[in-house]
């Protein structure tokens, strides 16, 4: 089997092509993911542009999106590595702590938490 030759940068081999995924989430549970191939040394902005996910969106929606790589905030000029997942996420509408508190109040103390589903006759906390 013949493999593709690697381009070397110093002592480390660098693949000539980066395989990257770009994910867009405009609504809850509605993510779109596109696989793109980019030349080595490409940035987050290059991946977003190549994916074409933002082509049909209005400018006011695009301006409100946050960017990240594997769930960590990232800037558009950050260089990518092969296997990265670029994420375009909408801003949070509710503080996660407040949402958890509201869920706890709605479910009640016995219906929420780590030990809410116990076996019949089991001790408390087990």
Protein backbone atom coordinates (compact mmCIF):
# COMPACT_ATOMS: atom_id res chain seq x y z
CA UNK A 1 0.00 0.00 0.00
CA UNK A 2 1.36 3.40 -0.95
CA UNK A 3 0.66 6.26 1.39
CA UNK A 4 0.65 9.97 0.61
CA UNK A 5 3.98 11.68 1.18
CA UNK A 6 4.07 14.01 4.13
CA UNK A 7 5.33 17.56 3.89
CA UNK A 8 7.79 18.24 6.68
CA UNK A 9 7.90 21.41 8.74
CA UNK A 10 11.07 21.19 10.77
CA UNK A 11 11.13 17.84 12.53
CA UNK A 12 7.36 17.26 12.60
CA UNK A 13 5.48 15.77 9.64
CA UNK A 14 2.46 17.82 8.54
CA UNK A 15 -0.28 16.28 6.40
CA UNK A 16 -0.81 18.13 3.10
CA UNK A 17 -4.59 18.13 3.60
CA UNK A 18 -6.63 18.83 6.74
CA UNK A 19 -9.87 16.93 7.27
CA UNK A 20 -12.13 19.17 9.37
CA UNK A 21 -15.80 19.18 10.34
CA UNK A 22 -17.85 22.38 10.56
CA UNK A 23 -21.02 22.25 12.68
CA UNK A 24 -23.78 24.86 12.84
CA UNK A 25 -26.47 24.87 15.54
CA UNK A 26 -29.16 27.52 15.09
CA UNK A 27 -31.78 25.79 17.24
CA UNK A 28 -31.76 23.23 20.03
CA UNK A 29 -31.29 19.68 18.74
CA UNK A 30 -30.90 20.91 15.15
CA UNK A 31 -27.22 20.78 14.25
CA UNK A 32 -25.88 20.56 10.71
CA UNK A 33 -22.40 19.15 10.18
CA UNK A 34 -20.30 19.33 7.02
CA UNK A 35 -16.92 17.67 6.37
CA UNK A 36 -14.40 19.83 4.49
CA UNK A 37 -10.86 19.30 3.24
CA UNK A 38 -8.48 22.24 3.51
CA UNK A 39 -4.81 22.81 2.72
CA UNK A 40 -2.37 22.67 5.62
CA UNK A 41 -2.14 25.94 7.53
CA UNK A 42 -5.82 26.86 7.06
CA UNK A 43 -7.68 28.85 9.69
CA UNK A 44 -11.08 28.61 11.34
CA UNK A 45 -12.38 31.36 9.02
CA UNK A 46 -11.22 29.36 5.97
CA UNK A 47 -13.13 26.30 7.18
CA UNK A 48 -16.33 28.28 7.76
CA UNK A 49 -16.06 29.93 4.33
CA UNK A 50 -15.39 26.58 2.59
CA UNK A 51 -18.30 24.84 4.34
CA UNK A 52 -20.89 27.20 2.83
CA UNK A 53 -23.10 26.91 5.92
CA UNK A 54 -23.42 30.68 6.36
CA UNK A 55 -24.24 31.46 2.71
CA UNK A 56 -28.05 31.59 3.14
CA UNK A 57 -28.15 33.19 6.60
CA UNK A 58 -28.89 36.88 7.12
CA UNK A 59 -26.04 39.07 8.40
CA UNK A 60 -27.70 39.75 11.76
CA UNK A 61 -27.75 35.99 12.53
CA UNK A 62 -24.15 35.48 11.37
CA UNK A 63 -22.92 38.33 13.58
CA UNK A 64 -24.43 36.71 16.70
CA UNK A 65 -22.77 33.29 16.22
CA UNK A 66 -19.94 32.23 18.52
CA UNK A 67 -17.07 30.15 17.15
CA UNK A 68 -15.20 27.34 18.81
CA UNK A 69 -13.14 24.22 18.26
CA UNK A 70 -14.33 21.11 20.08
CA UNK A 71 -16.43 23.19 22.51
CA UNK A 72 -13.70 25.68 23.41
CA UNK A 73 -13.90 29.31 22.26
CA UNK A 74 -11.69 30.12 19.27
CA UNK A 75 -10.90 33.16 17.15
CA UNK A 76 -11.36 33.20 13.35
CA UNK A 77 -7.61 33.39 12.63
CA UNK A 78 -6.76 30.30 14.71
CA UNK A 79 -4.98 27.61 12.69
CA UNK A 80 -6.64 24.21 12.45
CA UNK A 81 -5.32 20.69 12.80
CA UNK A 82 -6.60 17.64 11.00
CA UNK A 83 -9.57 16.16 12.86
CA UNK A 84 -10.76 19.44 14.40
CA UNK A 85 -14.48 20.17 14.75
CA UNK A 86 -15.29 23.85 14.16
CA UNK A 87 -18.51 24.83 15.91
CA UNK A 88 -20.77 27.78 15.12
CA UNK A 89 -23.16 28.22 18.03
CA UNK A 90 -25.92 30.66 18.85
CA UNK A 91 -25.69 32.71 22.03
CA UNK A 92 -27.29 31.29 25.16
CA UNK A 93 -30.81 32.55 25.82
CA UNK A 94 -30.97 31.28 29.42
CA UNK A 95 -28.25 31.02 32.03
CA UNK A 96 -27.58 27.25 32.54
CA UNK A 97 -27.60 27.63 36.34
CA UNK A 98 -30.98 29.34 36.26
CA UNK A 99 -32.38 26.65 33.94
CA UNK A 100 -31.19 23.91 36.32
CA UNK A 101 -32.78 25.65 39.30
CA UNK A 102 -36.08 26.05 37.45
CA UNK A 103 -36.01 22.37 36.43
CA UNK A 104 -35.37 21.35 40.04
CA UNK A 105 -38.30 23.47 41.30
CA UNK A 106 -40.58 22.04 38.59
CA UNK A 107 -39.61 18.38 39.29
CA UNK A 108 -39.46 18.64 43.06
CA UNK A 109 -36.76 17.43 45.43
CA UNK A 110 -37.63 13.73 45.10
CA UNK A 111 -37.83 13.71 41.29
CA UNK A 112 -34.46 15.28 40.56
CA UNK A 113 -30.87 14.60 41.45
CA UNK A 114 -28.46 11.73 41.61
CA UNK A 115 -30.52 9.41 43.81
CA UNK A 116 -34.01 10.09 42.47
CA UNK A 117 -34.43 6.60 40.96
CA UNK A 118 -33.85 4.14 43.82
CA UNK A 119 -34.82 0.51 44.05
CA UNK A 120 -37.84 -0.24 46.18
CA UNK A 121 -36.74 -0.69 49.80
CA UNK A 122 -33.24 0.69 49.23
CA UNK A 123 -31.58 2.91 51.81
CA UNK A 124 -31.50 6.64 51.27
CA UNK A 125 -28.41 7.69 49.32
CA UNK A 126 -27.81 4.29 47.70
